[in-house]
Amino acid sequence: MRNLAGNKCGVTQEELSKNIYEYLRKIPNGKVVTYKQIAENFGNKGLARMVGNALHKNPDGDKYPCYKVLNSKGKLAEAFAFGGKEAQKEKLEKDGIEVINNKVDLEKYQWKN
């Protein structure tokens, strides 16, 4: 498979996706992360778009809780893959995360891994 992430990272989209899905499983209940935060966790903040692409192709939203991923301002995903913004909001609230005007307070809920 060709290297989609570029020479700096050295992983394919498929490898990165698998790693992202496993990372999602580690996010504690009641916590969220950002696309950029996931990318930085894998050593390259420039991978944030690839993170978004992987989440959009998530094969199992229950096993890999992508609803916990927000943009850097704490906003919900415009095109949440499992039912849209309202479904993401419902899942976050069920997890004990307060959502106001489709936004989460990152100071309060962001996981500091």
PDB file of N, CA and C in Angstrom:
ATOM      1  N   MET A   1       0.849  -1.178   0.000  1.00  0.00           N
ATOM      2  CA  MET A   1       0.000   0.000   0.000  1.00  0.00           C
ATOM      3  C   MET A   1       0.893   1.239   0.000  1.00  0.00           C
ATOM      4  N   ARG A   2       0.525   2.243  -0.729  1.00  0.00           N
ATOM      5  CA  ARG A   2       1.360   3.442  -0.803  1.00  0.00           C
ATOM      6  C   ARG A   2       1.286   4.249   0.483  1.00  0.00           C
ATOM      7  N   ASN A   3       2.291   5.026   0.709  1.00  0.00           N
ATOM      8  CA  ASN A   3       2.400   5.840   1.909  1.00  0.00           C
ATOM      9  C   ASN A   3       1.576   7.114   1.735  1.00  0.00           C
ATOM     10  N   LEU A   4       0.421   7.174   2.357  1.00  0.00           N
ATOM     11  CA  LEU A   4      -0.474   8.317   2.215  1.00  0.00           C
ATOM     12  C   LEU A   4      -0.140   9.451   3.167  1.00  0.00           C
ATOM     13  N   ALA A   5       0.567   9.140   4.231  1.00  0.00           N
ATOM     14  CA  ALA A   5       0.849  10.161   5.230  1.00  0.00           C
ATOM     15  C   ALA A   5       2.119  10.944   4.919  1.00  0.00           C
ATOM     16  N   GLY A   6       2.846  10.563   3.910  1.00  0.00           N
ATOM     17  CA  GLY A   6       4.076  11.269   3.563  1.00  0.00           C
ATOM     18  C   GLY A   6       5.273  10.706   4.292  1.00  0.00           C
ATOM     19  N   ASN A   7       6.434  11.104   3.856  1.00  0.00           N
ATOM     20  CA  ASN A   7       7.667  10.567   4.411  1.00  0.00           C
ATOM     21  C   ASN A   7       7.874  10.907   5.873  1.00  0.00           C
ATOM     22  N   LYS A   8       7.339  12.016   6.330  1.00  0.00           N
ATOM     23  CA  LYS A   8       7.548  12.423   7.717  1.00  0.00           C
ATOM     24  C   LYS A   8       6.949  11.431   8.699  1.00  0.00           C
ATOM     25  N   CYS A   9       5.822  10.871   8.363  1.00  0.00           N
ATOM     26  CA  CYS A   9       5.138   9.965   9.276  1.00  0.00           C
ATOM     27  C   CYS A   9       5.462   8.516   8.949  1.00  0.00           C
ATOM     28  N   GLY A  10       5.486   8.191   7.684  1.00  0.00           N
ATOM     29  CA  GLY A  10       5.860   6.852   7.263  1.00  0.00           C
ATOM     30  C   GLY A  10       4.818   5.772   7.480  1.00  0.00           C
ATOM     31  N   VAL A  11       3.541   6.124   7.571  1.00  0.00           N
ATOM     32  CA  VAL A  11       2.496   5.111   7.705  1.00  0.00           C
ATOM     33  C   VAL A  11       1.463   5.292   6.608  1.00  0.00           C
ATOM     34  N   THR A  12       0.780   4.231   6.292  1.00  0.00           N
ATOM     35  CA  THR A  12      -0.294   4.304   5.312  1.00  0.00           C
ATOM     36  C   THR A  12      -1.583   4.732   6.017  1.00  0.00           C
ATOM     37  N   GLN A  13      -2.560   5.146   5.237  1.00  0.00           N
ATOM     38  CA  GLN A  13      -3.869   5.503   5.812  1.00  0.00           C
ATOM     39  C   GLN A  13      -4.455   4.314   6.553  1.00  0.00           C
ATOM     40  N   GLU A  14      -4.299   3.117   6.017  1.00  0.00           N
ATOM     41  CA  GLU A  14      -4.845   1.924   6.661  1.00  0.00           C
ATOM     42  C   GLU A  14      -4.200   1.682   8.023  1.00  0.00           C
ATOM     43  N   GLU A  15      -2.886   1.804   8.103  1.00  0.00           N
ATOM     44  CA  GLU A  15      -2.186   1.623   9.381  1.00  0.00           C
ATOM     45  C   GLU A  15      -2.595   2.701  10.374  1.00  0.00           C
ATOM     46  N   LEU A  16      -2.650   3.928   9.901  1.00  0.00           N
ATOM     47  CA  LEU A  16      -3.043   5.030  10.772  1.00  0.00           C
ATOM     48  C   LEU A  16      -4.467   4.825  11.280  1.00  0.00           C
ATOM     49  N   SER A  17      -5.372   4.408  10.411  1.00  0.00           N
ATOM     50  CA  SER A  17      -6.764   4.181  10.805  1.00  0.00           C
ATOM     51  C   SER A  17      -6.857   3.146  11.916  1.00  0.00           C
ATOM     52  N   LYS A  18      -6.160   2.050  11.781  1.00  0.00           N
ATOM     53  CA  LYS A  18      -6.182   1.001  12.814  1.00  0.00           C
ATOM     54  C   LYS A  18      -5.692   1.559  14.141  1.00  0.00           C
ATOM     55  N   ASN A  19      -4.624   2.342  14.099  1.00  0.00           N
ATOM     56  CA  ASN A  19      -4.085   2.935  15.326  1.00  0.00           C
ATOM     57  C   ASN A  19      -5.062   3.931  15.941  1.00  0.00           C
ATOM     58  N   ILE A  20      -5.724   4.704  15.094  1.00  0.00           N
ATOM     59  CA  ILE A  20      -6.706   5.672  15.579  1.00  0.00           C
ATOM     60  C   ILE A  20      -7.860   4.960  16.263  1.00  0.00           C
ATOM     61  N   TYR A  21      -8.365   3.904  15.650  1.00  0.00           N
ATOM     62  CA  TYR A  21      -9.498   3.181  16.229  1.00  0.00           C
ATOM     63  C   TYR A  21      -9.142   2.623  17.609  1.00  0.00           C
ATOM     64  N   GLU A  22      -7.939   2.107  17.761  1.00  0.00           N
ATOM     65  CA  GLU A  22      -7.515   1.594  19.063  1.00  0.00           C
ATOM     66  C   GLU A  22      -7.358   2.731  20.066  1.00  0.00           C
ATOM     67  N   TYR A  23      -6.878   3.868  19.621  1.00  0.00           N
ATOM     68  CA  TYR A  23      -6.751   5.050  20.482  1.00  0.00           C
ATOM     69  C   TYR A  23      -8.123   5.470  21.016  1.00  0.00           C
ATOM     70  N   LEU A  24      -9.137   5.453  20.158  1.00  0.00           N
ATOM     71  CA  LEU A  24     -10.486   5.848  20.562  1.00  0.00           C
ATOM     72  C   LEU A  24     -10.993   5.017  21.734  1.00  0.00           C
ATOM     73  N   ARG A  25     -10.616   3.772  21.761  1.00  0.00           N
ATOM     74  CA  ARG A  25     -11.074   2.863  22.818  1.00  0.00           C
ATOM     75  C   ARG A  25     -10.468   3.210  24.175  1.00  0.00           C
ATOM     76  N   LYS A  26      -9.402   3.996  24.181  1.00  0.00           N
ATOM     77  CA  LYS A  26      -8.717   4.361  25.422  1.00  0.00           C
ATOM     78  C   LYS A  26      -9.264   5.634  26.060  1.00  0.00           C
ATOM     79  N   ILE A  27     -10.057   6.391  25.319  1.00  0.00           N
ATOM     80  CA  ILE A  27     -10.590   7.656  25.849  1.00  0.00           C
ATOM     81  C   ILE A  27     -11.572   7.333  26.978  1.00  0.00           C
ATOM     82  N   PRO A  28     -11.317   7.868  28.161  1.00  0.00           N
ATOM     83  CA  PRO A  28     -12.197   7.569  29.305  1.00  0.00           C
ATOM     84  C   PRO A  28     -13.616   8.099  29.106  1.00  0.00           C
ATOM     85  N   ASN A  29     -14.555   7.496  29.801  1.00  0.00           N
ATOM     86  CA  ASN A  29     -15.929   8.001  29.801  1.00  0.00           C
ATOM     87  C   ASN A  29     -15.925   9.429  30.317  1.00  0.00           C
ATOM     88  N   GLY A  30     -16.758  10.256  29.720  1.00  0.00           N
ATOM     89  CA  GLY A  30     -16.874  11.635  30.140  1.00  0.00           C
ATOM     90  C   GLY A  30     -15.773  12.549  29.622  1.00  0.00           C
ATOM     91  N   LYS A  31     -14.977  12.053  28.672  1.00  0.00           N
ATOM     92  CA  LYS A  31     -13.879  12.844  28.117  1.00  0.00           C
ATOM     93  C   LYS A  31     -13.959  12.861  26.593  1.00  0.00           C
ATOM     94  N   VAL A  32     -13.377  13.918  26.007  1.00  0.00           N
ATOM     95  CA  VAL A  32     -13.314  14.063  24.552  1.00  0.00           C
ATOM     96  C   VAL A  32     -11.883  14.394  24.152  1.00  0.00           C
ATOM     97  N   VAL A  33     -11.609  14.280  22.857  1.00  0.00           N
ATOM     98  CA  VAL A  33     -10.322  14.672  22.283  1.00  0.00           C
ATOM     99  C   VAL A  33     -10.600  15.435  20.992  1.00  0.00           C
ATOM    100  N   THR A  34      -9.546  16.043  20.445  1.00  0.00           N
ATOM    101  CA  THR A  34      -9.684  16.751  19.174  1.00  0.00           C
ATOM    102  C   THR A  34      -8.956  15.981  18.078  1.00  0.00           C
ATOM    103  N   TYR A  35      -9.294  16.313  16.837  1.00  0.00           N
ATOM    104  CA  TYR A  35      -8.611  15.704  15.696  1.00  0.00           C
ATOM    105  C   TYR A  35      -7.113  15.959  15.789  1.00  0.00           C
ATOM    106  N   LYS A  36      -6.773  17.206  16.073  1.00  0.00           N
ATOM    107  CA  LYS A  36      -5.361  17.594  16.178  1.00  0.00           C
ATOM    108  C   LYS A  36      -4.667  16.842  17.313  1.00  0.00           C
ATOM    109  N   GLN A  37      -5.349  16.667  18.407  1.00  0.00           N
ATOM    110  CA  GLN A  37      -4.779  15.949  19.543  1.00  0.00           C
ATOM    111  C   GLN A  37      -4.445  14.510  19.170  1.00  0.00           C
ATOM    112  N   ILE A  38      -5.330  13.866  18.430  1.00  0.00           N
ATOM    113  CA  ILE A  38      -5.052  12.496  17.987  1.00  0.00           C
ATOM    114  C   ILE A  38      -3.846  12.501  17.059  1.00  0.00           C
ATOM    115  N   ALA A  39      -3.826  13.435  16.121  1.00  0.00           N
ATOM    116  CA  ALA A  39      -2.703  13.518  15.176  1.00  0.00           C
ATOM    117  C   ALA A  39      -1.385  13.732  15.918  1.00  0.00           C
ATOM    118  N   GLU A  40      -1.387  14.631  16.892  1.00  0.00           N
ATOM    119  CA  GLU A  40      -0.175  14.881  17.677  1.00  0.00           C
ATOM    120  C   GLU A  40       0.245  13.645  18.462  1.00  0.00           C
ATOM    121  N   ASN A  41      -0.739  12.871  18.914  1.00  0.00           N
ATOM    122  CA  ASN A  41      -0.441  11.635  19.630  1.00  0.00           C
ATOM    123  C   ASN A  41       0.366  10.674  18.750  1.00  0.00           C
ATOM    124  N   PHE A  42       0.130  10.748  17.443  1.00  0.00           N
ATOM    125  CA  PHE A  42       0.850   9.898  16.506  1.00  0.00           C
ATOM    126  C   PHE A  42       2.050  10.615  15.888  1.00  0.00           C
ATOM    127  N   GLY A  43       2.416  11.753  16.480  1.00  0.00           N
ATOM    128  CA  GLY A  43       3.660  12.406  16.124  1.00  0.00           C
ATOM    129  C   GLY A  43       3.631  13.431  15.012  1.00  0.00           C
ATOM    130  N   ASN A  44       2.433  13.787  14.515  1.00  0.00           N
ATOM    131  CA  ASN A  44       2.390  14.740  13.411  1.00  0.00           C
ATOM    132  C   ASN A  44       1.045  15.456  13.399  1.00  0.00           C
ATOM    133  N   LYS A  45       1.011  16.694  13.910  1.00  0.00           N
ATOM    134  CA  LYS A  45      -0.259  17.420  13.969  1.00  0.00           C
ATOM    135  C   LYS A  45      -0.853  17.659  12.586  1.00  0.00           C
ATOM    136  N   GLY A  46      -0.026  17.537  11.555  1.00  0.00           N
ATOM    137  CA  GLY A  46      -0.506  17.699  10.190  1.00  0.00           C
ATOM    138  C   GLY A  46      -1.384  16.558   9.707  1.00  0.00           C
ATOM    139  N   LEU A  47      -1.502  15.513  10.496  1.00  0.00           N
ATOM    140  CA  LEU A  47      -2.335  14.370  10.121  1.00  0.00           C
ATOM    141  C   LEU A  47      -3.805  14.546  10.513  1.00  0.00           C
ATOM    142  N   ALA A  48      -4.173  15.695  11.019  1.00  0.00           N
ATOM    143  CA  ALA A  48      -5.543  15.897  11.514  1.00  0.00           C
ATOM    144  C   ALA A  48      -6.603  15.575  10.457  1.00  0.00           C
ATOM    145  N   ARG A  49      -6.345  15.928   9.215  1.00  0.00           N
ATOM    146  CA  ARG A  49      -7.324  15.613   8.146  1.00  0.00           C
ATOM    147  C   ARG A  49      -7.416  14.116   7.900  1.00  0.00           C
ATOM    148  N   MET A  50      -6.274  13.429   7.987  1.00  0.00           N
ATOM    149  CA  MET A  50      -6.296  11.976   7.838  1.00  0.00           C
ATOM    150  C   MET A  50      -7.048  11.327   8.997  1.00  0.00           C
ATOM    151  N   VAL A  51      -6.951  11.928  10.175  1.00  0.00           N
ATOM    152  CA  VAL A  51      -7.715  11.444  11.324  1.00  0.00           C
ATOM    153  C   VAL A  51      -9.206  11.575  11.008  1.00  0.00           C
ATOM    154  N   GLY A  52      -9.619  12.722  10.505  1.00  0.00           N
ATOM    155  CA  GLY A  52     -11.017  12.925  10.136  1.00  0.00           C
ATOM    156  C   GLY A  52     -11.489  11.927   9.093  1.00  0.00           C
ATOM    157  N   ASN A  53     -10.647  11.660   8.121  1.00  0.00           N
ATOM    158  CA  ASN A  53     -10.977  10.694   7.081  1.00  0.00           C
ATOM    159  C   ASN A  53     -11.167   9.300   7.686  1.00  0.00           C
ATOM    160  N   ALA A  54     -10.277   8.923   8.574  1.00  0.00           N
ATOM    161  CA  ALA A  54     -10.386   7.611   9.218  1.00  0.00           C
ATOM    162  C   ALA A  54     -11.666   7.508  10.040  1.00  0.00           C
ATOM    163  N   LEU A  55     -11.998   8.571  10.753  1.00  0.00           N
ATOM    164  CA  LEU A  55     -13.204   8.543  11.582  1.00  0.00           C
ATOM    165  C   LEU A  55     -14.465   8.459  10.733  1.00  0.00           C
ATOM    166  N   HIS A  56     -14.434   9.116   9.590  1.00  0.00           N
ATOM    167  CA  HIS A  56     -15.601   9.055   8.697  1.00  0.00           C
ATOM    168  C   HIS A  56     -15.810   7.639   8.153  1.00  0.00           C
ATOM    169  N   LYS A  57     -14.743   6.867   8.094  1.00  0.00           N
ATOM    170  CA  LYS A  57     -14.820   5.487   7.602  1.00  0.00           C
ATOM    171  C   LYS A  57     -14.852   4.459   8.733  1.00  0.00           C
ATOM    172  N   ASN A  58     -15.067   4.909   9.937  1.00  0.00           N
ATOM    173  CA  ASN A  58     -15.092   4.036  11.113  1.00  0.00           C
ATOM    174  C   ASN A  58     -16.052   2.860  10.872  1.00  0.00           C
ATOM    175  N   PRO A  59     -15.540   1.635  10.991  1.00  0.00           N
ATOM    176  CA  PRO A  59     -16.392   0.481  10.715  1.00  0.00           C
ATOM    177  C   PRO A  59     -17.386   0.147  11.817  1.00  0.00           C
ATOM    178  N   ASP A  60     -17.180   0.675  13.032  1.00  0.00           N
ATOM    179  CA  ASP A  60     -18.040   0.306  14.151  1.00  0.00           C
ATOM    180  C   ASP A  60     -18.043   1.426  15.192  1.00  0.00           C
ATOM    181  N   GLY A  61     -19.051   2.278  15.132  1.00  0.00           N
ATOM    182  CA  GLY A  61     -19.135   3.422  16.025  1.00  0.00           C
ATOM    183  C   GLY A  61     -19.329   3.067  17.489  1.00  0.00           C
ATOM    184  N   ASP A  62     -19.808   1.868  17.778  1.00  0.00           N
ATOM    185  CA  ASP A  62     -19.951   1.450  19.169  1.00  0.00           C
ATOM    186  C   ASP A  62     -18.618   0.944  19.724  1.00  0.00           C
ATOM    187  N   LYS A  63     -17.917   0.187  18.932  1.00  0.00           N
ATOM    188  CA  LYS A  63     -16.620  -0.358  19.363  1.00  0.00           C
ATOM    189  C   LYS A  63     -15.548   0.737  19.398  1.00  0.00           C
ATOM    190  N   TYR A  64     -15.595   1.640  18.418  1.00  0.00           N
ATOM    191  CA  TYR A  64     -14.620   2.726  18.305  1.00  0.00           C
ATOM    192  C   TYR A  64     -15.369   4.055  18.425  1.00  0.00           C
ATOM    193  N   PRO A  65     -15.480   4.598  19.630  1.00  0.00           N
ATOM    194  CA  PRO A  65     -16.347   5.755  19.900  1.00  0.00           C
ATOM    195  C   PRO A  65     -15.853   7.082  19.324  1.00  0.00           C
ATOM    196  N   CYS A  66     -16.039   7.237  18.027  1.00  0.00           N
ATOM    197  CA  CYS A  66     -15.594   8.453  17.352  1.00  0.00           C
ATOM    198  C   CYS A  66     -16.435   9.666  17.725  1.00  0.00           C
ATOM    199  N   TYR A  67     -17.563   9.458  18.390  1.00  0.00           N
ATOM    200  CA  TYR A  67     -18.378  10.599  18.822  1.00  0.00           C
ATOM    201  C   TYR A  67     -17.628  11.467  19.827  1.00  0.00           C
ATOM    202  N   LYS A  68     -16.554  10.934  20.405  1.00  0.00           N
ATOM    203  CA  LYS A  68     -15.771  11.672  21.398  1.00  0.00           C
ATOM    204  C   LYS A  68     -14.734  12.594  20.769  1.00  0.00           C
ATOM    205  N   VAL A  69     -14.718  12.689  19.444  1.00  0.00           N
ATOM    206  CA  VAL A  69     -13.723  13.515  18.759  1.00  0.00           C
ATOM    207  C   VAL A  69     -14.387  14.788  18.236  1.00  0.00           C
ATOM    208  N   LEU A  70     -13.775  15.933  18.581  1.00  0.00           N
ATOM    209  CA  LEU A  70     -14.307  17.241  18.224  1.00  0.00           C
ATOM    210  C   LEU A  70     -13.239  18.055  17.514  1.00  0.00           C
ATOM    211  N   ASN A  71     -13.646  19.175  16.951  1.00  0.00           N
ATOM    212  CA  ASN A  71     -12.629  20.045  16.355  1.00  0.00           C
ATOM    213  C   ASN A  71     -11.912  20.819  17.458  1.00  0.00           C
ATOM    214  N   SER A  72     -10.912  21.595  17.091  1.00  0.00           N
ATOM    215  CA  SER A  72     -10.074  22.262  18.091  1.00  0.00           C
ATOM    216  C   SER A  72     -10.802  23.340  18.891  1.00  0.00           C
ATOM    217  N   LYS A  73     -12.008  23.694  18.474  1.00  0.00           N
ATOM    218  CA  LYS A  73     -12.809  24.661  19.225  1.00  0.00           C
ATOM    219  C   LYS A  73     -13.886  23.976  20.063  1.00  0.00           C
ATOM    220  N   GLY A  74     -13.901  22.639  20.033  1.00  0.00           N
ATOM    221  CA  GLY A  74     -14.883  21.890  20.801  1.00  0.00           C
ATOM    222  C   GLY A  74     -16.209  21.695  20.102  1.00  0.00           C
ATOM    223  N   LYS A  75     -16.264  22.032  18.817  1.00  0.00           N
ATOM    224  CA  LYS A  75     -17.521  21.904  18.072  1.00  0.00           C
ATOM    225  C   LYS A  75     -17.756  20.466  17.605  1.00  0.00           C
ATOM    226  N   LEU A  76     -19.015  20.097  17.538  1.00  0.00           N
ATOM    227  CA  LEU A  76     -19.401  18.785  17.043  1.00  0.00           C
ATOM    228  C   LEU A  76     -19.117  18.674  15.548  1.00  0.00           C
ATOM    229  N   ALA A  77     -18.990  17.451  15.070  1.00  0.00           N
ATOM    230  CA  ALA A  77     -18.708  17.206  13.655  1.00  0.00           C
ATOM    231  C   ALA A  77     -19.943  17.541  12.821  1.00  0.00           C
ATOM    232  N   GLU A  78     -19.745  18.306  11.771  1.00  0.00           N
ATOM    233  CA  GLU A  78     -20.849  18.647  10.868  1.00  0.00           C
ATOM    234  C   GLU A  78     -21.426  17.405  10.201  1.00  0.00           C
ATOM    235  N   ALA A  79     -20.557  16.447   9.897  1.00  0.00           N
ATOM    236  CA  ALA A  79     -20.998  15.240   9.189  1.00  0.00           C
ATOM    237  C   ALA A  79     -20.653  13.991   9.991  1.00  0.00           C
ATOM    238  N   PHE A  80     -21.092  13.940  11.252  1.00  0.00           N
ATOM    239  CA  PHE A  80     -20.833  12.771  12.090  1.00  0.00           C
ATOM    240  C   PHE A  80     -21.349  11.534  11.374  1.00  0.00           C
ATOM    241  N   ALA A  81     -20.478  10.547  11.216  1.00  0.00           N
ATOM    242  CA  ALA A  81     -20.754   9.381  10.368  1.00  0.00           C
ATOM    243  C   ALA A  81     -21.907   8.505  10.849  1.00  0.00           C
ATOM    244  N   PHE A  82     -22.282   8.619  12.108  1.00  0.00           N
ATOM    245  CA  PHE A  82     -23.310   7.727  12.641  1.00  0.00           C
ATOM    246  C   PHE A  82     -24.567   8.485  13.050  1.00  0.00           C
ATOM    247  N   GLY A  83     -25.113   9.271  12.136  1.00  0.00           N
ATOM    248  CA  GLY A  83     -26.390   9.912  12.385  1.00  0.00           C
ATOM    249  C   GLY A  83     -26.380  11.419  12.452  1.00  0.00           C
ATOM    250  N   GLY A  84     -25.257  12.031  12.154  1.00  0.00           N
ATOM    251  CA  GLY A  84     -25.199  13.486  12.142  1.00  0.00           C
ATOM    252  C   GLY A  84     -24.935  14.104  13.505  1.00  0.00           C
ATOM    253  N   LYS A  85     -24.938  15.421  13.515  1.00  0.00           N
ATOM    254  CA  LYS A  85     -24.597  16.211  14.697  1.00  0.00           C
ATOM    255  C   LYS A  85     -25.506  15.904  15.892  1.00  0.00           C
ATOM    256  N   GLU A  86     -26.798  15.719  15.653  1.00  0.00           N
ATOM    257  CA  GLU A  86     -27.729  15.448  16.757  1.00  0.00           C
ATOM    258  C   GLU A  86     -27.422  14.102  17.416  1.00  0.00           C
ATOM    259  N   ALA A  87     -27.068  13.107  16.608  1.00  0.00           N
ATOM    260  CA  ALA A  87     -26.713  11.798  17.167  1.00  0.00           C
ATOM    261  C   ALA A  87     -25.433  11.894  17.994  1.00  0.00           C
ATOM    262  N   GLN A  88     -24.475  12.674  17.521  1.00  0.00           N
ATOM    263  CA  GLN A  88     -23.235  12.866  18.266  1.00  0.00           C
ATOM    264  C   GLN A  88     -23.536  13.557  19.604  1.00  0.00           C
ATOM    265  N   LYS A  89     -24.368  14.558  19.554  1.00  0.00           N
ATOM    266  CA  LYS A  89     -24.753  15.285  20.768  1.00  0.00           C
ATOM    267  C   LYS A  89     -25.400  14.347  21.777  1.00  0.00           C
ATOM    268  N   GLU A  90     -26.310  13.513  21.327  1.00  0.00           N
ATOM    269  CA  GLU A  90     -26.989  12.565  22.211  1.00  0.00           C
ATOM    270  C   GLU A  90     -25.998  11.611  22.861  1.00  0.00           C
ATOM    271  N   LYS A  91     -25.051  11.110  22.084  1.00  0.00           N
ATOM    272  CA  LYS A  91     -24.056  10.177  22.621  1.00  0.00           C
ATOM    273  C   LYS A  91     -23.165  10.863  23.654  1.00  0.00           C
ATOM    274  N   LEU A  92     -22.751  12.083  23.377  1.00  0.00           N
ATOM    275  CA  LEU A  92     -21.923  12.826  24.323  1.00  0.00           C
ATOM    276  C   LEU A  92     -22.678  13.074  25.628  1.00  0.00           C
ATOM    277  N   GLU A  93     -23.921  13.491  25.512  1.00  0.00           N
ATOM    278  CA  GLU A  93     -24.716  13.762  26.703  1.00  0.00           C
ATOM    279  C   GLU A  93     -24.969  12.499  27.512  1.00  0.00           C
ATOM    280  N   LYS A  94     -25.162  11.392  26.829  1.00  0.00           N
ATOM    281  CA  LYS A  94     -25.335  10.108  27.511  1.00  0.00           C
ATOM    282  C   LYS A  94     -24.067   9.738  28.269  1.00  0.00           C
ATOM    283  N   ASP A  95     -22.930  10.198  27.785  1.00  0.00           N
ATOM    284  CA  ASP A  95     -21.634   9.933  28.399  1.00  0.00           C
ATOM    285  C   ASP A  95     -21.317  10.956  29.504  1.00  0.00           C
ATOM    286  N   GLY A  96     -22.274  11.847  29.793  1.00  0.00           N
ATOM    287  CA  GLY A  96     -22.095  12.819  30.863  1.00  0.00           C
ATOM    288  C   GLY A  96     -21.406  14.107  30.448  1.00  0.00           C
ATOM    289  N   ILE A  97     -21.320  14.349  29.151  1.00  0.00           N
ATOM    290  CA  ILE A  97     -20.645  15.534  28.628  1.00  0.00           C
ATOM    291  C   ILE A  97     -21.698  16.562  28.231  1.00  0.00           C
ATOM    292  N   GLU A  98     -21.585  17.737  28.785  1.00  0.00           N
ATOM    293  CA  GLU A  98     -22.532  18.817  28.495  1.00  0.00           C
ATOM    294  C   GLU A  98     -22.235  19.424  27.122  1.00  0.00           C
ATOM    295  N   VAL A  99     -23.275  19.549  26.309  1.00  0.00           N
ATOM    296  CA  VAL A  99     -23.157  20.146  24.977  1.00  0.00           C
ATOM    297  C   VAL A  99     -24.058  21.372  24.930  1.00  0.00           C
ATOM    298  N   ILE A 100     -23.456  22.527  24.677  1.00  0.00           N
ATOM    299  CA  ILE A 100     -24.216  23.782  24.594  1.00  0.00           C
ATOM    300  C   ILE A 100     -23.961  24.395  23.221  1.00  0.00           C
ATOM    301  N   ASN A 101     -25.039  24.640  22.476  1.00  0.00           N
ATOM    302  CA  ASN A 101     -24.940  25.204  21.125  1.00  0.00           C
ATOM    303  C   ASN A 101     -23.976  24.398  20.243  1.00  0.00           C
ATOM    304  N   ASN A 102     -24.112  23.073  20.318  1.00  0.00           N
ATOM    305  CA  ASN A 102     -23.292  22.146  19.531  1.00  0.00           C
ATOM    306  C   ASN A 102     -21.797  22.291  19.804  1.00  0.00           C
ATOM    307  N   LYS A 103     -21.474  22.618  21.052  1.00  0.00           N
ATOM    308  CA  LYS A 103     -20.086  22.810  21.445  1.00  0.00           C
ATOM    309  C   LYS A 103     -19.862  22.241  22.847  1.00  0.00           C
ATOM    310  N   VAL A 104     -18.655  21.705  23.058  1.00  0.00           N
ATOM    311  CA  VAL A 104     -18.255  21.129  24.343  1.00  0.00           C
ATOM    312  C   VAL A 104     -17.142  21.991  24.933  1.00  0.00           C
ATOM    313  N   ASP A 105     -17.171  22.204  26.217  1.00  0.00           N
ATOM    314  CA  ASP A 105     -16.134  22.958  26.910  1.00  0.00           C
ATOM    315  C   ASP A 105     -14.890  22.076  27.038  1.00  0.00           C
ATOM    316  N   LEU A 106     -13.885  22.346  26.209  1.00  0.00           N
ATOM    317  CA  LEU A 106     -12.673  21.525  26.214  1.00  0.00           C
ATOM    318  C   LEU A 106     -11.896  21.673  27.522  1.00  0.00           C
ATOM    319  N   GLU A 107     -11.973  22.827  28.148  1.00  0.00           N
ATOM    320  CA  GLU A 107     -11.275  23.001  29.435  1.00  0.00           C
ATOM    321  C   GLU A 107     -11.789  22.001  30.465  1.00  0.00           C
ATOM    322  N   LYS A 108     -13.049  21.701  30.381  1.00  0.00           N
ATOM    323  CA  LYS A 108     -13.678  20.807  31.359  1.00  0.00           C
ATOM    324  C   LYS A 108     -13.625  19.338  30.946  1.00  0.00           C
ATOM    325  N   TYR A 109     -13.775  19.046  29.656  1.00  0.00           N
ATOM    326  CA  TYR A 109     -13.974  17.665  29.224  1.00  0.00           C
ATOM    327  C   TYR A 109     -12.834  17.046  28.407  1.00  0.00           C
ATOM    328  N   GLN A 110     -11.857  17.833  28.011  1.00  0.00           N
ATOM    329  CA  GLN A 110     -10.803  17.265  27.160  1.00  0.00           C
ATOM    330  C   GLN A 110      -9.896  16.333  27.957  1.00  0.00           C
ATOM    331  N   TRP A 111      -9.651  15.169  27.372  1.00  0.00           N
ATOM    332  CA  TRP A 111      -8.762  14.173  27.971  1.00  0.00           C
ATOM    333  C   TRP A 111      -7.326  14.640  27.774  1.00  0.00           C
ATOM    334  N   LYS A 112      -6.593  14.730  28.831  1.00  0.00           N
ATOM    335  CA  LYS A 112      -5.184  15.146  28.782  1.00  0.00           C
ATOM    336  C   LYS A 112      -4.314  13.896  28.847  1.00  0.00           C
ATOM    337  N   ASN A 113      -4.189  13.221  27.731  1.00  0.00           N
ATOM    338  CA  ASN A 113      -3.422  11.969  27.701  1.00  0.00           C
ATOM    339  C   ASN A 113      -1.952  12.212  27.539  1.00  0.00           C
TER     340      ASN A 113
END
